[in-house]
Amino acid sequence: MGFYDRFIGSIHDLFFCQGNERRRALRYLVRLGIGWAIGMALASFALASVFDTHIYGISSVFIGFIFGAIPLVVIDEKETLKGKVGKEIPFLIAGILLVVLISWMNTRGGTAQLDLAAFNPALAVRLFLIGMAAISAMFLPGISGSTILLIFGAYLPVITSVKDVLTMHFSAVPALIIFALGIITGAAFVVKLIKASLEKFRTQTVSLILGMMVGSFYAIVQGPTTLKNAMPALDLAHFNILACLVGAALVLGLEAVKRRKNGRSLNREAEKA
């Protein structure tokens, strides 16, 4: 939507600046956060109720998201990647292998038993680290926090727990607090690293991100196996092409809105000049 740099800059200023810069960042992030919270609440009600019964459709939508996003990242970063694709293949492969390995370990480790209401120290550590990883993904162009939650098998448990809290069932509150602390910690410590990586090693970082996006296909395909009542992995027989196209269309639609907005901004600047 065209506000990525301002989002990253505001997170950075909130934690590492003082005075007016911090206040401006806080005001901006509060407005953004209100919209995020409303969207999260509405999505929790919508998705938690259909995830078990329409897992293959939702997985197909996720695949559409990734299919739509990969070419957009490549186009946006064409100058960064130009003439360097061969040299950055190791980073692309590393991103793919990282996501595939995490997903494989989750399917082998019984991710389906993740229950936020059964709070214990091991779950707390795991949720804290997942929160850090999810917020880190939000700082990376092209890969979402939701995808990271799906990779770690925590997407449905978190969505369901948020819905439970909103309906006055508070058994998962301790787990959600730990998850939120992980998000805050990740925002404080990871944003500076990602900001520096994108500034100093942008080609390698973008290649790693693209690899993670490609690897996400495997994580999404394996998503049904991580449900509490595990189901077979997504295959061609259960793949919903219409849902996939809807997911891709949503991403491309947002890109069109961004480009129209940027075009209007350029026209206004030209008129002023």
C-alpha atoms as a PDB file:
ATOM      1  CA  MET A   1       0.000   0.000   0.000  1.00  0.00           C
ATOM      2  CA  GLY A   2       3.060   2.254  -0.178  1.00  0.00           C
ATOM      3  CA  PHE A   3       3.736   2.970   3.496  1.00  0.00           C
ATOM      4  CA  TYR A   4       6.352   0.290   4.159  1.00  0.00           C
ATOM      5  CA  ASP A   5       9.284   2.679   4.663  1.00  0.00           C
ATOM      6  CA  ARG A   6       7.258   4.893   6.998  1.00  0.00           C
ATOM      7  CA  PHE A   7       6.121   1.836   8.989  1.00  0.00           C
ATOM      8  CA  ILE A   8       9.703   0.589   9.446  1.00  0.00           C
ATOM      9  CA  GLY A   9      10.929   4.085  10.227  1.00  0.00           C
ATOM     10  CA  SER A  10       8.205   4.646  12.819  1.00  0.00           C
ATOM     11  CA  ILE A  11       8.993   1.374  14.609  1.00  0.00           C
ATOM     12  CA  HIS A  12      12.661   2.358  14.630  1.00  0.00           C
ATOM     13  CA  ASP A  13      11.957   5.890  15.900  1.00  0.00           C
ATOM     14  CA  LEU A  14       9.627   4.606  18.628  1.00  0.00           C
ATOM     15  CA  PHE A  15      12.356   2.483  20.201  1.00  0.00           C
ATOM     16  CA  PHE A  16      15.539   4.373  19.338  1.00  0.00           C
ATOM     17  CA  CYS A  17      14.652   8.090  19.101  1.00  0.00           C
ATOM     18  CA  GLN A  18      13.525  10.768  21.533  1.00  0.00           C
ATOM     19  CA  GLY A  19      11.282  13.820  21.640  1.00  0.00           C
ATOM     20  CA  ASN A  20       9.210  14.835  18.630  1.00  0.00           C
ATOM     21  CA  GLU A  21      10.398  11.938  16.462  1.00  0.00           C
ATOM     22  CA  ARG A  22       9.179   9.393  19.012  1.00  0.00           C
ATOM     23  CA  ARG A  23       5.848  11.211  19.470  1.00  0.00           C
ATOM     24  CA  ARG A  24       5.239  11.358  15.708  1.00  0.00           C
ATOM     25  CA  ALA A  25       6.054   7.667  15.406  1.00  0.00           C
ATOM     26  CA  LEU A  26       3.746   6.793  18.297  1.00  0.00           C
ATOM     27  CA  ARG A  27       0.802   8.745  16.837  1.00  0.00           C
ATOM     28  CA  TYR A  28       1.237   7.052  13.474  1.00  0.00           C
ATOM     29  CA  LEU A  29       1.588   3.552  14.937  1.00  0.00           C
ATOM     30  CA  VAL A  30      -1.455   4.042  17.196  1.00  0.00           C
ATOM     31  CA  ARG A  31      -3.600   4.856  14.157  1.00  0.00           C
ATOM     32  CA  LEU A  32      -2.185   1.891  12.280  1.00  0.00           C
ATOM     33  CA  GLY A  33      -2.569  -0.325  15.353  1.00  0.00           C
ATOM     34  CA  ILE A  34      -6.250   0.524  15.797  1.00  0.00           C
ATOM     35  CA  GLY A  35      -6.952  -0.591  12.251  1.00  0.00           C
ATOM     36  CA  TRP A  36      -4.886  -3.726  12.756  1.00  0.00           C
ATOM     37  CA  ALA A  37      -6.711  -4.595  16.000  1.00  0.00           C
ATOM     38  CA  ILE A  38     -10.142  -4.150  14.396  1.00  0.00           C
ATOM     39  CA  GLY A  39      -9.110  -6.254  11.419  1.00  0.00           C
ATOM     40  CA  MET A  40      -7.647  -8.940  13.688  1.00  0.00           C
ATOM     41  CA  ALA A  41     -10.837  -9.119  15.750  1.00  0.00           C
ATOM     42  CA  LEU A  42     -13.100  -9.373  12.704  1.00  0.00           C
ATOM     43  CA  ALA A  43     -10.832 -11.926  11.042  1.00  0.00           C
ATOM     44  CA  SER A  44     -10.739 -14.007  14.236  1.00  0.00           C
ATOM     45  CA  PHE A  45     -14.503 -14.446  14.177  1.00  0.00           C
ATOM     46  CA  ALA A  46     -14.580 -15.148  10.452  1.00  0.00           C
ATOM     47  CA  LEU A  47     -11.590 -17.475  10.165  1.00  0.00           C
ATOM     48  CA  ALA A  48     -11.831 -19.445  13.413  1.00  0.00           C
ATOM     49  CA  SER A  49     -15.309 -20.642  12.522  1.00  0.00           C
ATOM     50  CA  VAL A  50     -14.432 -21.828   9.009  1.00  0.00           C
ATOM     51  CA  PHE A  51     -10.842 -23.003   9.375  1.00  0.00           C
ATOM     52  CA  ASP A  52     -11.638 -26.583  10.336  1.00  0.00           C
ATOM     53  CA  THR A  53     -14.464 -27.018   7.828  1.00  0.00           C
ATOM     54  CA  HIS A  54     -12.877 -25.149   4.901  1.00  0.00           C
ATOM     55  CA  ILE A  55      -9.164 -25.690   5.515  1.00  0.00           C
ATOM     56  CA  TYR A  56      -8.440 -26.559   1.894  1.00  0.00           C
ATOM     57  CA  GLY A  57     -10.197 -23.445   0.618  1.00  0.00           C
ATOM     58  CA  ILE A  58      -8.334 -21.205   3.063  1.00  0.00           C
ATOM     59  CA  SER A  59      -5.040 -22.905   2.203  1.00  0.00           C
ATOM     60  CA  SER A  60      -5.795 -22.238  -1.464  1.00  0.00           C
ATOM     61  CA  VAL A  61      -6.353 -18.549  -0.669  1.00  0.00           C
ATOM     62  CA  PHE A  62      -2.962 -18.439   1.094  1.00  0.00           C
ATOM     63  CA  ILE A  63      -1.337 -19.966  -1.982  1.00  0.00           C
ATOM     64  CA  GLY A  64      -3.002 -17.260  -4.061  1.00  0.00           C
ATOM     65  CA  PHE A  65      -1.535 -14.610  -1.744  1.00  0.00           C
ATOM     66  CA  ILE A  66       1.978 -15.955  -2.318  1.00  0.00           C
ATOM     67  CA  PHE A  67       1.485 -16.404  -6.074  1.00  0.00           C
ATOM     68  CA  GLY A  68       0.339 -12.805  -6.296  1.00  0.00           C
ATOM     69  CA  ALA A  69       3.045 -11.383  -4.053  1.00  0.00           C
ATOM     70  CA  ILE A  70       6.185 -13.025  -5.500  1.00  0.00           C
ATOM     71  CA  PRO A  71       6.111 -11.231  -8.889  1.00  0.00           C
ATOM     72  CA  LEU A  72       5.306  -7.923  -7.188  1.00  0.00           C
ATOM     73  CA  VAL A  73       8.380  -8.203  -4.944  1.00  0.00           C
ATOM     74  CA  VAL A  74      10.517  -9.116  -7.965  1.00  0.00           C
ATOM     75  CA  ILE A  75       9.170  -6.131  -9.932  1.00  0.00           C
ATOM     76  CA  ASP A  76       9.624  -3.705  -7.020  1.00  0.00           C
ATOM     77  CA  GLU A  77      13.182  -4.943  -6.479  1.00  0.00           C
ATOM     78  CA  LYS A  78      14.176  -5.377 -10.135  1.00  0.00           C
ATOM     79  CA  GLU A  79      16.962  -2.807  -9.846  1.00  0.00           C
ATOM     80  CA  THR A  80      18.272  -4.537  -6.727  1.00  0.00           C
ATOM     81  CA  LEU A  81      18.256  -7.973  -8.359  1.00  0.00           C
ATOM     82  CA  LYS A  82      19.333  -6.900 -11.847  1.00  0.00           C
ATOM     83  CA  GLY A  83      22.439  -8.791 -12.955  1.00  0.00           C
ATOM     84  CA  LYS A  84      22.851 -10.472  -9.559  1.00  0.00           C
ATOM     85  CA  VAL A  85      20.343 -13.326  -9.645  1.00  0.00           C
ATOM     86  CA  GLY A  86      22.982 -16.015 -10.197  1.00  0.00           C
ATOM     87  CA  LYS A  87      25.128 -14.764  -7.335  1.00  0.00           C
ATOM     88  CA  GLU A  88      22.217 -14.701  -4.913  1.00  0.00           C
ATOM     89  CA  ILE A  89      20.908 -18.209  -5.619  1.00  0.00           C
ATOM     90  CA  PRO A  90      22.472 -19.528  -2.352  1.00  0.00           C
ATOM     91  CA  PHE A  91      20.388 -17.016  -0.361  1.00  0.00           C
ATOM     92  CA  LEU A  92      17.264 -17.972  -2.329  1.00  0.00           C
ATOM     93  CA  ILE A  93      17.875 -21.663  -1.609  1.00  0.00           C
ATOM     94  CA  ALA A  94      18.629 -20.901   2.051  1.00  0.00           C
ATOM     95  CA  GLY A  95      15.259 -19.151   2.407  1.00  0.00           C
ATOM     96  CA  ILE A  96      13.429 -22.085   0.834  1.00  0.00           C
ATOM     97  CA  LEU A  97      15.212 -24.652   3.000  1.00  0.00           C
ATOM     98  CA  LEU A  98      14.638 -22.645   6.186  1.00  0.00           C
ATOM     99  CA  VAL A  99      10.862 -22.578   5.756  1.00  0.00           C
ATOM    100  CA  VAL A 100      10.656 -26.183   4.542  1.00  0.00           C
ATOM    101  CA  LEU A 101      12.775 -27.412   7.475  1.00  0.00           C
ATOM    102  CA  ILE A 102      10.675 -25.555  10.063  1.00  0.00           C
ATOM    103  CA  SER A 103       7.461 -26.847   8.497  1.00  0.00           C
ATOM    104  CA  TRP A 104       8.773 -30.401   8.322  1.00  0.00           C
ATOM    105  CA  MET A 105       9.863 -30.311  11.978  1.00  0.00           C
ATOM    106  CA  ASN A 106       6.426 -29.054  12.995  1.00  0.00           C
ATOM    107  CA  THR A 107       4.613 -31.828  11.152  1.00  0.00           C
ATOM    108  CA  ARG A 108       6.945 -34.391  12.710  1.00  0.00           C
ATOM    109  CA  GLY A 109       6.678 -32.844  16.162  1.00  0.00           C
ATOM    110  CA  GLY A 110       2.921 -32.939  16.652  1.00  0.00           C
ATOM    111  CA  THR A 111       2.073 -29.283  16.145  1.00  0.00           C
ATOM    112  CA  ALA A 112      -1.590 -30.252  16.235  1.00  0.00           C
ATOM    113  CA  GLN A 113      -1.381 -30.539  20.008  1.00  0.00           C
ATOM    114  CA  LEU A 114      -0.574 -26.820  20.449  1.00  0.00           C
ATOM    115  CA  ASP A 115      -3.196 -25.634  22.950  1.00  0.00           C
ATOM    116  CA  LEU A 116      -2.931 -22.082  24.242  1.00  0.00           C
ATOM    117  CA  ALA A 117      -5.351 -22.817  27.094  1.00  0.00           C
ATOM    118  CA  ALA A 118      -2.960 -25.460  28.508  1.00  0.00           C
ATOM    119  CA  PHE A 119      -0.345 -22.922  29.573  1.00  0.00           C
ATOM    120  CA  ASN A 120       3.078 -24.200  30.648  1.00  0.00           C
ATOM    121  CA  PRO A 121       6.715 -22.967  30.548  1.00  0.00           C
ATOM    122  CA  ALA A 122       7.544 -24.832  27.326  1.00  0.00           C
ATOM    123  CA  LEU A 123       4.520 -23.333  25.578  1.00  0.00           C
ATOM    124  CA  ALA A 124       5.450 -19.877  26.907  1.00  0.00           C
ATOM    125  CA  VAL A 125       8.957 -20.065  25.421  1.00  0.00           C
ATOM    126  CA  ARG A 126       7.612 -21.342  22.124  1.00  0.00           C
ATOM    127  CA  LEU A 127       4.941 -18.630  21.857  1.00  0.00           C
ATOM    128  CA  PHE A 128       7.446 -15.927  22.765  1.00  0.00           C
ATOM    129  CA  LEU A 129       9.783 -17.000  19.960  1.00  0.00           C
ATOM    130  CA  ILE A 130       6.892 -17.385  17.501  1.00  0.00           C
ATOM    131  CA  GLY A 131       5.734 -13.855  18.366  1.00  0.00           C
ATOM    132  CA  MET A 132       9.222 -12.529  17.653  1.00  0.00           C
ATOM    133  CA  ALA A 133       9.324 -14.392  14.330  1.00  0.00           C
ATOM    134  CA  ALA A 134       5.842 -13.232  13.304  1.00  0.00           C
ATOM    135  CA  ILE A 135       6.521  -9.545  13.939  1.00  0.00           C
ATOM    136  CA  SER A 136       9.864  -9.883  12.160  1.00  0.00           C
ATOM    137  CA  ALA A 137       8.021 -11.138   9.089  1.00  0.00           C
ATOM    138  CA  MET A 138       5.819  -8.041   9.155  1.00  0.00           C
ATOM    139  CA  PHE A 139       8.971  -5.963   8.691  1.00  0.00           C
ATOM    140  CA  LEU A 140       9.973  -7.942   5.593  1.00  0.00           C
ATOM    141  CA  PRO A 141       8.378  -6.999   2.256  1.00  0.00           C
ATOM    142  CA  GLY A 142       6.391  -9.838   0.724  1.00  0.00           C
ATOM    143  CA  ILE A 143       6.050 -12.326   3.598  1.00  0.00           C
ATOM    144  CA  SER A 144       3.345 -11.878   6.233  1.00  0.00           C
ATOM    145  CA  GLY A 145       3.157 -12.616   9.929  1.00  0.00           C
ATOM    146  CA  SER A 146       0.188 -14.866   9.192  1.00  0.00           C
ATOM    147  CA  THR A 147       2.367 -17.003   6.929  1.00  0.00           C
ATOM    148  CA  ILE A 148       4.961 -17.353   9.696  1.00  0.00           C
ATOM    149  CA  LEU A 149       2.241 -18.378  12.164  1.00  0.00           C
ATOM    150  CA  LEU A 150       1.058 -20.955   9.647  1.00  0.00           C
ATOM    151  CA  ILE A 151       4.596 -22.275   9.195  1.00  0.00           C
ATOM    152  CA  PHE A 152       4.957 -22.757  12.965  1.00  0.00           C
ATOM    153  CA  GLY A 153       1.493 -24.288  13.271  1.00  0.00           C
ATOM    154  CA  ALA A 154       0.295 -21.439  15.498  1.00  0.00           C
ATOM    155  CA  TYR A 155      -2.087 -19.649  13.129  1.00  0.00           C
ATOM    156  CA  LEU A 156      -5.314 -21.383  14.105  1.00  0.00           C
ATOM    157  CA  PRO A 157      -4.515 -21.581  17.868  1.00  0.00           C
ATOM    158  CA  VAL A 158      -3.815 -17.821  18.008  1.00  0.00           C
ATOM    159  CA  ILE A 159      -6.870 -16.903  15.911  1.00  0.00           C
ATOM    160  CA  THR A 160      -9.107 -19.180  17.994  1.00  0.00           C
ATOM    161  CA  SER A 161      -7.712 -17.844  21.283  1.00  0.00           C
ATOM    162  CA  VAL A 162      -8.305 -14.232  20.244  1.00  0.00           C
ATOM    163  CA  LYS A 163     -11.883 -15.136  19.375  1.00  0.00           C
ATOM    164  CA  ASP A 164     -12.304 -16.876  22.757  1.00  0.00           C
ATOM    165  CA  VAL A 165     -11.077 -13.791  24.636  1.00  0.00           C
ATOM    166  CA  LEU A 166     -13.429 -11.551  22.654  1.00  0.00           C
ATOM    167  CA  THR A 167     -16.307 -13.843  23.659  1.00  0.00           C
ATOM    168  CA  MET A 168     -15.320 -13.632  27.365  1.00  0.00           C
ATOM    169  CA  HIS A 169     -13.438 -16.935  27.633  1.00  0.00           C
ATOM    170  CA  PHE A 170     -10.116 -16.065  29.227  1.00  0.00           C
ATOM    171  CA  SER A 171      -8.272 -19.386  29.576  1.00  0.00           C
ATOM    172  CA  ALA A 172      -5.811 -18.448  26.821  1.00  0.00           C
ATOM    173  CA  VAL A 173      -5.025 -14.948  28.160  1.00  0.00           C
ATOM    174  CA  PRO A 174      -1.645 -15.896  29.756  1.00  0.00           C
ATOM    175  CA  ALA A 175      -0.501 -17.483  26.484  1.00  0.00           C
ATOM    176  CA  LEU A 176      -1.624 -14.466  24.448  1.00  0.00           C
ATOM    177  CA  ILE A 177       0.220 -12.118  26.833  1.00  0.00           C
ATOM    178  CA  ILE A 178       3.444 -14.083  26.296  1.00  0.00           C
ATOM    179  CA  PHE A 179       2.823 -14.019  22.552  1.00  0.00           C
ATOM    180  CA  ALA A 180       2.328 -10.231  22.700  1.00  0.00           C
ATOM    181  CA  LEU A 181       5.553  -9.822  24.703  1.00  0.00           C
ATOM    182  CA  GLY A 182       7.350 -11.762  21.984  1.00  0.00           C
ATOM    183  CA  ILE A 183       5.918  -9.376  19.390  1.00  0.00           C
ATOM    184  CA  ILE A 184       7.041  -6.323  21.375  1.00  0.00           C
ATOM    185  CA  THR A 185      10.525  -7.765  21.935  1.00  0.00           C
ATOM    186  CA  GLY A 186      10.841  -8.683  18.281  1.00  0.00           C
ATOM    187  CA  ALA A 187       9.774  -5.202  17.241  1.00  0.00           C
ATOM    188  CA  ALA A 188      12.376  -3.630  19.520  1.00  0.00           C
ATOM    189  CA  PHE A 189      15.352  -5.794  18.590  1.00  0.00           C
ATOM    190  CA  VAL A 190      14.710  -7.117  15.088  1.00  0.00           C
ATOM    191  CA  VAL A 191      13.656  -3.935  13.319  1.00  0.00           C
ATOM    192  CA  LYS A 192      17.133  -2.424  13.598  1.00  0.00           C
ATOM    193  CA  LEU A 193      18.718  -5.591  12.194  1.00  0.00           C
ATOM    194  CA  ILE A 194      16.258  -5.790   9.285  1.00  0.00           C
ATOM    195  CA  LYS A 195      16.593  -2.069   8.569  1.00  0.00           C
ATOM    196  CA  ALA A 196      20.383  -2.398   8.457  1.00  0.00           C
ATOM    197  CA  SER A 197      20.210  -5.568   6.324  1.00  0.00           C
ATOM    198  CA  LEU A 198      17.930  -3.919   3.765  1.00  0.00           C
ATOM    199  CA  GLU A 199      20.223  -0.892   3.633  1.00  0.00           C
ATOM    200  CA  LYS A 200      23.603  -2.673   3.476  1.00  0.00           C
ATOM    201  CA  PHE A 201      22.800  -6.138   2.061  1.00  0.00           C
ATOM    202  CA  ARG A 202      19.557  -5.524   0.213  1.00  0.00           C
ATOM    203  CA  THR A 203      20.149  -7.987  -2.641  1.00  0.00           C
ATOM    204  CA  GLN A 204      20.947 -10.861  -0.297  1.00  0.00           C
ATOM    205  CA  THR A 205      18.069  -9.984   2.033  1.00  0.00           C
ATOM    206  CA  VAL A 206      15.541  -9.745  -0.807  1.00  0.00           C
ATOM    207  CA  SER A 207      16.778 -13.077  -2.210  1.00  0.00           C
ATOM    208  CA  LEU A 208      16.355 -14.685   1.216  1.00  0.00           C
ATOM    209  CA  ILE A 209      12.837 -13.255   1.474  1.00  0.00           C
ATOM    210  CA  LEU A 210      11.908 -14.593  -1.966  1.00  0.00           C
ATOM    211  CA  GLY A 211      13.213 -18.010  -0.938  1.00  0.00           C
ATOM    212  CA  MET A 212      11.079 -17.932   2.203  1.00  0.00           C
ATOM    213  CA  MET A 213       8.052 -17.029   0.097  1.00  0.00           C
ATOM    214  CA  VAL A 214       8.662 -19.959  -2.243  1.00  0.00           C
ATOM    215  CA  GLY A 215       9.195 -22.260   0.741  1.00  0.00           C
ATOM    216  CA  SER A 216       5.873 -21.065   2.151  1.00  0.00           C
ATOM    217  CA  PHE A 217       4.082 -23.097  -0.518  1.00  0.00           C
ATOM    218  CA  TYR A 218       5.269 -26.256   1.254  1.00  0.00           C
ATOM    219  CA  ALA A 219       4.177 -24.897   4.648  1.00  0.00           C
ATOM    220  CA  ILE A 220       0.715 -24.072   3.316  1.00  0.00           C
ATOM    221  CA  VAL A 221       0.328 -27.475   1.663  1.00  0.00           C
ATOM    222  CA  GLN A 222       1.178 -29.119   4.996  1.00  0.00           C
ATOM    223  CA  GLY A 223      -1.113 -26.769   6.951  1.00  0.00           C
ATOM    224  CA  PRO A 224      -4.083 -29.201   7.205  1.00  0.00           C
ATOM    225  CA  THR A 225      -1.817 -31.743   8.954  1.00  0.00           C
ATOM    226  CA  THR A 226      -1.292 -29.281  11.846  1.00  0.00           C
ATOM    227  CA  LEU A 227      -4.957 -29.008  12.817  1.00  0.00           C
ATOM    228  CA  LYS A 228      -6.134 -30.390  16.134  1.00  0.00           C
ATOM    229  CA  ASN A 229      -8.019 -32.983  14.110  1.00  0.00           C
ATOM    230  CA  ALA A 230      -5.285 -33.512  11.538  1.00  0.00           C
ATOM    231  CA  MET A 231      -6.297 -33.817   7.906  1.00  0.00           C
ATOM    232  CA  PRO A 232      -4.312 -34.920   4.845  1.00  0.00           C
ATOM    233  CA  ALA A 233      -2.013 -32.374   3.238  1.00  0.00           C
ATOM    234  CA  LEU A 234      -3.443 -30.213   0.476  1.00  0.00           C
ATOM    235  CA  ASP A 235      -3.329 -32.006  -2.877  1.00  0.00           C
ATOM    236  CA  LEU A 236      -4.616 -31.305  -6.380  1.00  0.00           C
ATOM    237  CA  ALA A 237      -7.901 -33.065  -5.618  1.00  0.00           C
ATOM    238  CA  HIS A 238      -8.629 -30.634  -2.751  1.00  0.00           C
ATOM    239  CA  PHE A 239      -7.018 -27.547  -4.256  1.00  0.00           C
ATOM    240  CA  ASN A 240      -9.563 -24.773  -4.894  1.00  0.00           C
ATOM    241  CA  ILE A 241      -8.500 -22.833  -7.964  1.00  0.00           C
ATOM    242  CA  LEU A 242     -11.219 -20.199  -7.471  1.00  0.00           C
ATOM    243  CA  ALA A 243     -10.069 -19.489  -3.902  1.00  0.00           C
ATOM    244  CA  CYS A 244      -6.475 -19.273  -5.150  1.00  0.00           C
ATOM    245  CA  LEU A 245      -7.460 -16.741  -7.797  1.00  0.00           C
ATOM    246  CA  VAL A 246      -9.338 -14.709  -5.173  1.00  0.00           C
ATOM    247  CA  GLY A 247      -6.200 -14.591  -3.008  1.00  0.00           C
ATOM    248  CA  ALA A 248      -4.028 -13.510  -5.933  1.00  0.00           C
ATOM    249  CA  ALA A 249      -6.625 -10.931  -7.011  1.00  0.00           C
ATOM    250  CA  LEU A 250      -6.684  -9.372  -3.527  1.00  0.00           C
ATOM    251  CA  VAL A 251      -2.909  -8.903  -3.573  1.00  0.00           C
ATOM    252  CA  LEU A 252      -2.913  -7.522  -7.115  1.00  0.00           C
ATOM    253  CA  GLY A 253      -5.868  -5.287  -6.243  1.00  0.00           C
ATOM    254  CA  LEU A 254      -3.962  -3.747  -3.337  1.00  0.00           C
ATOM    255  CA  GLU A 255      -0.998  -3.209  -5.644  1.00  0.00           C
ATOM    256  CA  ALA A 256      -3.275  -1.423  -8.138  1.00  0.00           C
ATOM    257  CA  VAL A 257      -4.601   0.837  -5.364  1.00  0.00           C
ATOM    258  CA  LYS A 258      -1.034   1.665  -4.331  1.00  0.00           C
ATOM    259  CA  ARG A 259       0.020   2.514  -7.875  1.00  0.00           C
ATOM    260  CA  ARG A 260      -3.048   4.705  -8.388  1.00  0.00           C
ATOM    261  CA  LYS A 261      -2.304   6.503  -5.134  1.00  0.00           C
ATOM    262  CA  ASN A 262       1.336   7.028  -6.119  1.00  0.00           C
ATOM    263  CA  GLY A 263       0.237   8.286  -9.553  1.00  0.00           C
ATOM    264  CA  ARG A 264      -2.062  10.873  -7.997  1.00  0.00           C
ATOM    265  CA  SER A 265       0.717  12.006  -5.656  1.00  0.00           C
ATOM    266  CA  LEU A 266       3.077  12.472  -8.602  1.00  0.00           C
ATOM    267  CA  ASN A 267       0.433  14.424 -10.513  1.00  0.00           C
ATOM    268  CA  ARG A 268      -0.144  16.754  -7.549  1.00  0.00           C
ATOM    269  CA  GLU A 269       3.598  17.356  -7.237  1.00  0.00           C
ATOM    270  CA  ALA A 270       3.845  18.061 -10.956  1.00  0.00           C
ATOM    271  CA  GLU A 271       0.968  20.556 -10.751  1.00  0.00           C
ATOM    272  CA  LYS A 272       2.644  22.356  -7.845  1.00  0.00           C
ATOM    273  CA  ALA A 273       5.894  22.516  -9.794  1.00  0.00           C
END
